[in-house]
């Protein structure tokens, strides 16, 4: 099945928004991962890693974006939403995606060491769970990978 060009362009547009969040995370010393939730073709929430700032290991970009979207929509299930994130969600975030009933996940860079949405685990597509999520991966992969590589290279130099 071929994806329409306009669909690809919109994925890239929203991933650019997630990349801006990742850049803000990097600027504040956080691992540069960014996320946005889109509903009715509009960004309704944004999130970035805030683990260091908050001292909370649960403060991943996806969790922050999901929490903000739930508050915005006023309902625990994010039906009709798409989550865009620069890095493949970990097991915790993949579980949160399932629990929030997000129907579509779009991510940039895969994460072979801790990815919970296809690379290491398949939580978002596990038929034993009560919800599954469509996935589009590799959107702006190089941009999403580069920001992470540069961040960790700088940490090693510093």
N, C-alpha and C. Protein backbone atom coordinates (compact mmCIF):
# COMPACT_ATOMS: atom_id res chain seq x y z
N UNK A 1 0.84 -1.18 0.00
CA UNK A 1 0.00 0.00 0.00
C UNK A 1 0.88 1.25 0.00
N UNK A 2 0.64 2.14 -0.91
CA UNK A 2 1.43 3.36 -1.02
C UNK A 2 0.76 4.47 -0.22
N UNK A 3 1.57 5.20 0.54
CA UNK A 3 1.06 6.30 1.33
C UNK A 3 0.99 7.54 0.44
N UNK A 4 -0.09 8.28 0.54
CA UNK A 4 -0.24 9.50 -0.25
C UNK A 4 0.84 10.51 0.12
N UNK A 5 1.26 11.29 -0.88
CA UNK A 5 2.29 12.30 -0.67
C UNK A 5 1.89 13.28 0.43
N UNK A 6 0.64 13.72 0.44
CA UNK A 6 0.19 14.68 1.45
C UNK A 6 0.30 14.10 2.85
N UNK A 7 0.10 12.78 2.97
CA UNK A 7 0.23 12.12 4.27
C UNK A 7 1.69 12.15 4.73
N UNK A 8 2.60 11.87 3.82
CA UNK A 8 4.02 11.92 4.14
C UNK A 8 4.42 13.33 4.54
N UNK A 9 3.94 14.32 3.81
CA UNK A 9 4.27 15.71 4.13
C UNK A 9 3.73 16.11 5.49
N UNK A 10 2.52 15.66 5.84
CA UNK A 10 1.98 16.03 7.15
C UNK A 10 2.77 15.32 8.26
N UNK A 11 3.17 14.07 8.05
CA UNK A 11 4.00 13.39 9.04
C UNK A 11 5.29 14.16 9.27
N UNK A 12 5.90 14.61 8.21
CA UNK A 12 7.16 15.37 8.34
C UNK A 12 6.91 16.70 9.05
N UNK A 13 5.82 17.34 8.73
CA UNK A 13 5.48 18.62 9.38
C UNK A 13 5.36 18.45 10.89
N UNK A 14 4.61 17.45 11.31
CA UNK A 14 4.41 17.24 12.75
C UNK A 14 5.68 16.71 13.42
N UNK A 15 6.47 15.94 12.69
CA UNK A 15 7.74 15.47 13.27
C UNK A 15 8.70 16.65 13.48
N UNK A 16 8.63 17.64 12.61
CA UNK A 16 9.43 18.86 12.81
C UNK A 16 9.05 19.51 14.14
N UNK A 17 7.78 19.51 14.49
CA UNK A 17 7.35 20.05 15.79
C UNK A 17 7.93 19.24 16.93
N UNK A 18 7.94 17.93 16.78
CA UNK A 18 8.54 17.07 17.81
C UNK A 18 10.05 17.33 17.91
N UNK A 19 10.69 17.55 16.78
CA UNK A 19 12.13 17.85 16.78
C UNK A 19 12.43 19.17 17.50
N UNK A 20 11.55 20.14 17.37
CA UNK A 20 11.73 21.40 18.12
C UNK A 20 11.69 21.13 19.62
N UNK A 21 10.79 20.26 20.04
CA UNK A 21 10.74 19.89 21.46
C UNK A 21 12.02 19.18 21.89
N UNK A 22 12.55 18.32 21.02
CA UNK A 22 13.81 17.63 21.31
C UNK A 22 14.95 18.63 21.45
N UNK A 23 14.97 19.64 20.60
CA UNK A 23 16.00 20.67 20.69
C UNK A 23 15.90 21.44 22.01
N UNK A 24 14.69 21.74 22.44
CA UNK A 24 14.49 22.41 23.73
C UNK A 24 14.96 21.53 24.88
N UNK A 25 14.72 20.23 24.77
CA UNK A 25 15.19 19.30 25.80
C UNK A 25 16.72 19.33 25.86
N UNK A 26 17.37 19.24 24.70
CA UNK A 26 18.84 19.25 24.65
C UNK A 26 19.39 20.54 25.24
N UNK A 27 18.77 21.66 24.92
CA UNK A 27 19.23 22.95 25.42
C UNK A 27 19.17 23.04 26.93
N UNK A 28 18.29 22.26 27.55
CA UNK A 28 18.19 22.27 29.01
C UNK A 28 18.90 21.09 29.66
N UNK A 29 19.73 20.37 28.87
CA UNK A 29 20.53 19.28 29.42
C UNK A 29 19.83 17.94 29.49
N UNK A 30 18.66 17.85 28.88
CA UNK A 30 17.91 16.60 28.86
C UNK A 30 18.24 15.81 27.60
N UNK A 31 18.07 14.50 27.65
CA UNK A 31 18.20 13.69 26.44
C UNK A 31 17.19 14.22 25.44
N UNK A 32 17.64 14.54 24.22
CA UNK A 32 16.77 15.23 23.26
C UNK A 32 15.74 14.34 22.58
N UNK A 33 14.65 14.15 23.27
CA UNK A 33 13.50 13.45 22.71
C UNK A 33 12.32 14.39 22.83
N UNK A 34 11.57 14.52 21.74
CA UNK A 34 10.40 15.38 21.73
C UNK A 34 9.20 14.64 21.19
N UNK A 35 8.02 15.09 21.59
CA UNK A 35 6.77 14.45 21.16
C UNK A 35 5.68 15.50 21.02
N UNK A 36 4.75 15.24 20.10
CA UNK A 36 3.54 16.05 19.99
C UNK A 36 2.36 15.12 19.75
N UNK A 37 1.21 15.54 20.25
CA UNK A 37 -0.04 14.82 19.99
C UNK A 37 -0.87 15.69 19.07
N UNK A 38 -1.37 15.06 18.00
CA UNK A 38 -2.16 15.75 16.99
C UNK A 38 -3.58 15.19 17.01
N UNK A 39 -4.55 16.10 17.00
CA UNK A 39 -5.97 15.73 16.95
C UNK A 39 -6.64 16.67 15.96
N UNK A 40 -7.39 16.12 15.02
CA UNK A 40 -8.05 16.92 13.99
C UNK A 40 -7.08 17.87 13.28
N UNK A 41 -5.92 17.32 12.92
CA UNK A 41 -4.89 18.06 12.18
C UNK A 41 -4.34 19.27 12.93
N UNK A 42 -4.38 19.22 14.25
CA UNK A 42 -3.89 20.31 15.08
C UNK A 42 -3.07 19.74 16.23
N UNK A 43 -1.92 20.34 16.49
CA UNK A 43 -1.12 19.94 17.65
C UNK A 43 -1.85 20.39 18.89
N UNK A 44 -2.22 19.42 19.74
CA UNK A 44 -2.96 19.76 20.97
C UNK A 44 -2.08 19.70 22.21
N UNK A 45 -0.92 19.03 22.08
CA UNK A 45 0.00 19.00 23.21
C UNK A 45 1.41 18.72 22.72
N UNK A 46 2.35 19.13 23.54
CA UNK A 46 3.76 18.92 23.25
C UNK A 46 4.41 18.35 24.51
N UNK A 47 5.49 17.62 24.29
CA UNK A 47 6.23 17.10 25.43
C UNK A 47 7.69 16.90 25.05
N UNK A 48 8.52 16.98 26.04
CA UNK A 48 9.95 16.70 25.87
C UNK A 48 10.44 16.06 27.16
N UNK A 49 11.57 15.41 27.08
CA UNK A 49 12.13 14.81 28.28
C UNK A 49 12.38 15.89 29.33
N UNK A 50 11.96 15.62 30.55
CA UNK A 50 12.21 16.52 31.68
C UNK A 50 12.67 15.72 32.89
N UNK A 51 13.33 14.62 32.63
CA UNK A 51 13.76 13.70 33.69
C UNK A 51 14.75 14.37 34.64
N UNK A 52 15.76 15.02 34.09
CA UNK A 52 16.79 15.66 34.93
C UNK A 52 16.20 16.82 35.72
N UNK A 53 15.43 17.65 35.06
CA UNK A 53 14.84 18.83 35.72
C UNK A 53 13.89 18.42 36.84
N UNK A 54 13.07 17.43 36.57
CA UNK A 54 12.05 17.03 37.55
C UNK A 54 12.56 16.01 38.56
N UNK A 55 13.66 15.32 38.21
CA UNK A 55 14.13 14.24 39.08
C UNK A 55 13.20 13.04 39.04
N UNK A 56 12.39 12.96 37.99
CA UNK A 56 11.39 11.91 37.88
C UNK A 56 11.72 11.02 36.67
N UNK A 57 12.02 9.74 36.89
CA UNK A 57 12.37 8.86 35.77
C UNK A 57 11.21 8.59 34.82
N UNK A 58 10.00 8.99 35.19
CA UNK A 58 8.82 8.78 34.35
C UNK A 58 8.57 9.96 33.41
N UNK A 59 9.33 11.03 33.52
CA UNK A 59 9.07 12.27 32.78
C UNK A 59 9.64 12.21 31.36
N UNK A 60 9.22 11.18 30.63
CA UNK A 60 9.62 11.03 29.23
C UNK A 60 8.77 11.97 28.37
N UNK A 61 9.27 12.29 27.20
CA UNK A 61 8.56 13.17 26.28
C UNK A 61 7.15 12.68 25.99
N UNK A 62 7.01 11.38 25.72
CA UNK A 62 5.71 10.82 25.38
C UNK A 62 4.73 10.94 26.54
N UNK A 63 5.18 10.64 27.74
CA UNK A 63 4.32 10.71 28.93
C UNK A 63 3.87 12.15 29.15
N UNK A 64 4.81 13.09 29.01
CA UNK A 64 4.47 14.50 29.19
C UNK A 64 3.45 14.95 28.14
N UNK A 65 3.63 14.54 26.89
CA UNK A 65 2.69 14.91 25.82
C UNK A 65 1.32 14.26 26.03
N UNK A 66 1.31 13.00 26.43
CA UNK A 66 0.04 12.29 26.68
C UNK A 66 -0.71 12.95 27.83
N UNK A 67 -0.01 13.24 28.92
CA UNK A 67 -0.65 13.91 30.06
C UNK A 67 -1.29 15.23 29.66
N UNK A 68 -0.56 16.02 28.88
CA UNK A 68 -1.08 17.32 28.44
C UNK A 68 -2.29 17.15 27.51
N UNK A 69 -2.25 16.14 26.63
CA UNK A 69 -3.36 15.90 25.71
C UNK A 69 -4.61 15.46 26.47
N UNK A 70 -4.44 14.61 27.47
CA UNK A 70 -5.57 14.16 28.28
C UNK A 70 -6.22 15.36 28.98
N UNK A 71 -5.40 16.25 29.50
CA UNK A 71 -5.94 17.46 30.15
C UNK A 71 -6.67 18.33 29.13
N UNK A 72 -6.09 18.47 27.95
CA UNK A 72 -6.69 19.31 26.91
C UNK A 72 -8.04 18.76 26.45
N UNK A 73 -8.10 17.46 26.20
CA UNK A 73 -9.33 16.85 25.69
C UNK A 73 -10.33 16.50 26.80
N UNK A 74 -9.82 16.39 28.03
CA UNK A 74 -10.71 16.09 29.14
C UNK A 74 -11.16 14.64 29.20
N UNK A 75 -10.39 13.76 28.58
CA UNK A 75 -10.76 12.35 28.59
C UNK A 75 -9.51 11.49 28.57
N UNK A 76 -9.55 10.35 29.26
CA UNK A 76 -8.38 9.49 29.41
C UNK A 76 -7.97 8.77 28.13
N UNK A 77 -8.88 8.62 27.19
CA UNK A 77 -8.55 7.93 25.94
C UNK A 77 -8.37 8.96 24.82
N UNK A 78 -7.25 8.85 24.14
CA UNK A 78 -6.92 9.81 23.09
C UNK A 78 -7.31 9.27 21.71
N UNK A 79 -8.57 8.92 21.61
CA UNK A 79 -9.12 8.37 20.37
C UNK A 79 -9.09 9.48 19.31
N UNK A 80 -8.65 9.12 18.12
CA UNK A 80 -8.56 10.10 17.05
C UNK A 80 -7.29 10.91 17.05
N UNK A 81 -6.36 10.55 17.92
CA UNK A 81 -5.09 11.29 18.02
C UNK A 81 -3.95 10.50 17.39
N UNK A 82 -2.93 11.22 17.01
CA UNK A 82 -1.68 10.63 16.55
C UNK A 82 -0.56 11.19 17.41
N UNK A 83 0.31 10.31 17.88
CA UNK A 83 1.47 10.71 18.66
C UNK A 83 2.69 10.68 17.75
N UNK A 84 3.37 11.80 17.66
CA UNK A 84 4.63 11.90 16.92
C UNK A 84 5.75 12.02 17.93
N UNK A 85 6.76 11.18 17.80
CA UNK A 85 7.89 11.22 18.73
C UNK A 85 9.18 10.96 17.96
N UNK A 86 10.23 11.64 18.38
CA UNK A 86 11.49 11.58 17.64
C UNK A 86 12.22 10.26 17.80
N UNK A 87 12.00 9.57 18.90
CA UNK A 87 12.65 8.29 19.17
C UNK A 87 11.59 7.25 19.49
N UNK A 88 11.79 6.05 19.01
CA UNK A 88 10.85 4.96 19.30
C UNK A 88 10.59 4.88 20.80
N UNK A 89 9.34 4.83 21.20
CA UNK A 89 9.00 4.77 22.62
C UNK A 89 9.57 3.52 23.31
N UNK A 90 9.96 3.70 24.56
CA UNK A 90 10.43 2.59 25.40
C UNK A 90 9.22 1.75 25.81
N UNK A 91 9.48 0.71 26.60
CA UNK A 91 8.39 -0.16 27.05
C UNK A 91 7.36 0.59 27.88
N UNK A 92 7.82 1.48 28.77
CA UNK A 92 6.88 2.24 29.61
C UNK A 92 5.98 3.12 28.74
N UNK A 93 6.59 3.85 27.82
CA UNK A 93 5.82 4.77 26.99
C UNK A 93 4.92 4.01 26.02
N UNK A 94 5.39 2.89 25.52
CA UNK A 94 4.55 2.06 24.64
C UNK A 94 3.33 1.56 25.41
N UNK A 95 3.51 1.18 26.66
CA UNK A 95 2.38 0.78 27.50
C UNK A 95 1.42 1.93 27.71
N UNK A 96 1.94 3.13 27.91
CA UNK A 96 1.08 4.30 28.09
C UNK A 96 0.29 4.59 26.82
N UNK A 97 0.90 4.39 25.67
CA UNK A 97 0.21 4.59 24.39
C UNK A 97 -0.98 3.62 24.28
N UNK A 98 -0.75 2.38 24.67
CA UNK A 98 -1.83 1.38 24.66
C UNK A 98 -2.93 1.79 25.63
N UNK A 99 -2.56 2.17 26.84
CA UNK A 99 -3.56 2.53 27.85
C UNK A 99 -4.35 3.78 27.47
N UNK A 100 -3.71 4.70 26.74
CA UNK A 100 -4.39 5.92 26.31
C UNK A 100 -5.21 5.70 25.04
N UNK A 101 -5.13 4.49 24.48
CA UNK A 101 -5.88 4.11 23.27
C UNK A 101 -5.52 4.99 22.06
N UNK A 102 -4.26 5.41 21.99
CA UNK A 102 -3.82 6.21 20.84
C UNK A 102 -3.81 5.30 19.61
N UNK A 103 -4.53 5.66 18.57
CA UNK A 103 -4.63 4.78 17.42
C UNK A 103 -3.44 4.79 16.48
N UNK A 104 -2.62 5.85 16.54
CA UNK A 104 -1.52 5.94 15.58
C UNK A 104 -0.28 6.54 16.23
N UNK A 105 0.84 5.88 16.04
CA UNK A 105 2.15 6.32 16.52
C UNK A 105 3.05 6.54 15.31
N UNK A 106 3.72 7.68 15.28
CA UNK A 106 4.70 7.97 14.23
C UNK A 106 6.00 8.31 14.95
N UNK A 107 7.07 7.57 14.62
CA UNK A 107 8.35 7.92 15.24
C UNK A 107 9.45 8.03 14.21
N UNK A 108 10.50 8.73 14.61
CA UNK A 108 11.63 8.97 13.71
C UNK A 108 12.68 7.88 13.79
N UNK A 109 13.48 7.91 14.82
CA UNK A 109 14.59 6.96 14.98
C UNK A 109 14.13 5.73 15.75
N UNK A 110 14.53 4.57 15.29
CA UNK A 110 14.29 3.35 16.04
C UNK A 110 15.25 3.28 17.23
N UNK A 111 14.93 2.42 18.19
CA UNK A 111 15.77 2.27 19.37
C UNK A 111 16.00 0.78 19.65
N UNK A 112 17.05 0.21 19.03
CA UNK A 112 17.28 -1.23 19.17
C UNK A 112 17.62 -1.69 20.59
N UNK A 113 18.02 -0.77 21.46
CA UNK A 113 18.39 -1.15 22.83
C UNK A 113 17.21 -1.12 23.80
N UNK A 114 16.22 -0.26 23.54
CA UNK A 114 15.09 -0.20 24.47
C UNK A 114 13.76 0.13 23.82
N UNK A 115 13.66 0.00 22.52
CA UNK A 115 12.42 0.32 21.82
C UNK A 115 11.30 -0.65 22.16
N UNK A 116 10.15 -0.08 22.52
CA UNK A 116 9.00 -0.90 22.89
C UNK A 116 7.93 -0.98 21.82
N UNK A 117 8.23 -0.42 20.64
CA UNK A 117 7.22 -0.40 19.57
C UNK A 117 7.76 -1.02 18.29
N UNK A 118 8.50 -2.12 18.46
CA UNK A 118 8.96 -2.85 17.28
C UNK A 118 10.40 -3.30 17.31
N UNK A 119 11.30 -2.49 17.85
CA UNK A 119 12.71 -2.85 17.79
C UNK A 119 13.08 -3.97 18.77
N UNK A 120 12.78 -3.76 20.04
CA UNK A 120 13.09 -4.75 21.07
C UNK A 120 11.83 -5.48 21.52
N UNK A 121 10.77 -4.73 21.72
CA UNK A 121 9.47 -5.27 22.10
C UNK A 121 8.42 -4.77 21.12
N UNK A 122 7.29 -5.44 21.06
CA UNK A 122 6.19 -5.03 20.20
C UNK A 122 4.94 -4.71 20.99
N UNK A 123 5.07 -3.93 22.02
CA UNK A 123 3.97 -3.67 22.94
C UNK A 123 2.78 -3.01 22.25
N UNK A 124 3.03 -2.06 21.37
CA UNK A 124 1.93 -1.33 20.74
C UNK A 124 1.17 -2.15 19.70
N UNK A 125 1.71 -3.32 19.35
CA UNK A 125 1.02 -4.21 18.40
C UNK A 125 0.80 -5.61 18.96
N UNK A 126 0.87 -5.75 20.25
CA UNK A 126 0.71 -7.06 20.88
C UNK A 126 -0.77 -7.43 20.92
N UNK A 127 -1.13 -8.48 20.22
CA UNK A 127 -2.55 -8.88 20.13
C UNK A 127 -3.11 -9.43 21.44
N UNK A 128 -2.26 -9.65 22.43
CA UNK A 128 -2.75 -10.09 23.73
C UNK A 128 -3.29 -8.93 24.55
N UNK A 129 -2.98 -7.72 24.13
CA UNK A 129 -3.45 -6.53 24.85
C UNK A 129 -4.78 -6.06 24.25
N UNK A 130 -5.45 -5.20 24.99
CA UNK A 130 -6.80 -4.76 24.59
C UNK A 130 -6.80 -3.66 23.54
N UNK A 131 -5.66 -3.14 23.17
CA UNK A 131 -5.58 -2.09 22.15
C UNK A 131 -4.28 -2.24 21.38
N UNK A 132 -4.36 -1.96 20.10
CA UNK A 132 -3.17 -1.95 19.26
C UNK A 132 -3.11 -0.62 18.55
N UNK A 133 -1.94 -0.28 18.12
CA UNK A 133 -1.68 1.04 17.57
C UNK A 133 -1.01 0.90 16.21
N UNK A 134 -1.51 1.61 15.22
CA UNK A 134 -0.84 1.65 13.94
C UNK A 134 0.47 2.41 14.07
N UNK A 135 1.48 1.99 13.35
CA UNK A 135 2.80 2.60 13.47
C UNK A 135 3.33 2.98 12.10
N UNK A 136 3.87 4.20 12.04
CA UNK A 136 4.66 4.62 10.89
C UNK A 136 6.01 5.02 11.46
N UNK A 137 7.06 4.40 10.95
CA UNK A 137 8.38 4.67 11.52
C UNK A 137 9.34 5.21 10.47
N UNK A 138 10.40 5.83 10.96
CA UNK A 138 11.43 6.34 10.07
C UNK A 138 11.16 7.72 9.51
N UNK A 139 10.17 8.44 10.04
CA UNK A 139 9.87 9.79 9.55
C UNK A 139 10.96 10.74 10.06
N UNK A 140 11.65 11.38 9.13
CA UNK A 140 12.79 12.25 9.43
C UNK A 140 13.83 11.54 10.30
N UNK A 141 14.03 10.26 10.02
CA UNK A 141 14.94 9.41 10.79
C UNK A 141 16.31 10.06 10.98
N UNK A 142 16.90 10.56 9.91
CA UNK A 142 18.25 11.12 10.02
C UNK A 142 18.30 12.31 10.97
N UNK A 143 17.34 13.21 10.87
CA UNK A 143 17.29 14.36 11.77
C UNK A 143 17.13 13.91 13.22
N UNK A 144 16.26 12.95 13.43
CA UNK A 144 15.98 12.46 14.78
C UNK A 144 17.19 11.73 15.36
N UNK A 145 17.89 10.99 14.55
CA UNK A 145 19.10 10.28 15.00
C UNK A 145 20.24 11.25 15.27
N UNK A 146 20.38 12.22 14.38
CA UNK A 146 21.50 13.17 14.49
C UNK A 146 21.47 13.95 15.79
N UNK A 147 20.29 14.43 16.18
CA UNK A 147 20.22 15.23 17.41
C UNK A 147 20.64 14.40 18.62
N UNK A 148 20.28 13.12 18.63
CA UNK A 148 20.70 12.24 19.73
C UNK A 148 22.20 11.97 19.69
N UNK A 149 22.72 11.65 18.51
CA UNK A 149 24.16 11.38 18.37
C UNK A 149 24.99 12.58 18.78
N UNK A 150 24.59 13.76 18.34
CA UNK A 150 25.34 14.98 18.69
C UNK A 150 25.27 15.26 20.19
N UNK A 151 24.13 15.03 20.80
CA UNK A 151 23.97 15.26 22.23
C UNK A 151 24.91 14.35 23.02
N UNK A 152 24.93 13.07 22.69
CA UNK A 152 25.77 12.13 23.45
C UNK A 152 27.25 12.32 23.12
N UNK A 153 27.59 12.71 21.90
CA UNK A 153 28.99 13.02 21.56
C UNK A 153 29.47 14.20 22.41
N UNK A 154 28.63 15.20 22.56
CA UNK A 154 28.97 16.37 23.37
C UNK A 154 29.13 15.97 24.84
N UNK A 155 28.26 15.11 25.33
CA UNK A 155 28.37 14.63 26.72
C UNK A 155 29.70 13.92 26.94
N UNK A 156 30.11 13.10 25.96
CA UNK A 156 31.38 12.37 26.09
C UNK A 156 32.57 13.32 26.07
N UNK A 157 32.48 14.39 25.28
CA UNK A 157 33.57 15.39 25.20
C UNK A 157 33.64 16.21 26.48
N UNK A 158 32.47 16.47 27.07
CA UNK A 158 32.37 17.37 28.22
C UNK A 158 32.83 16.75 29.46
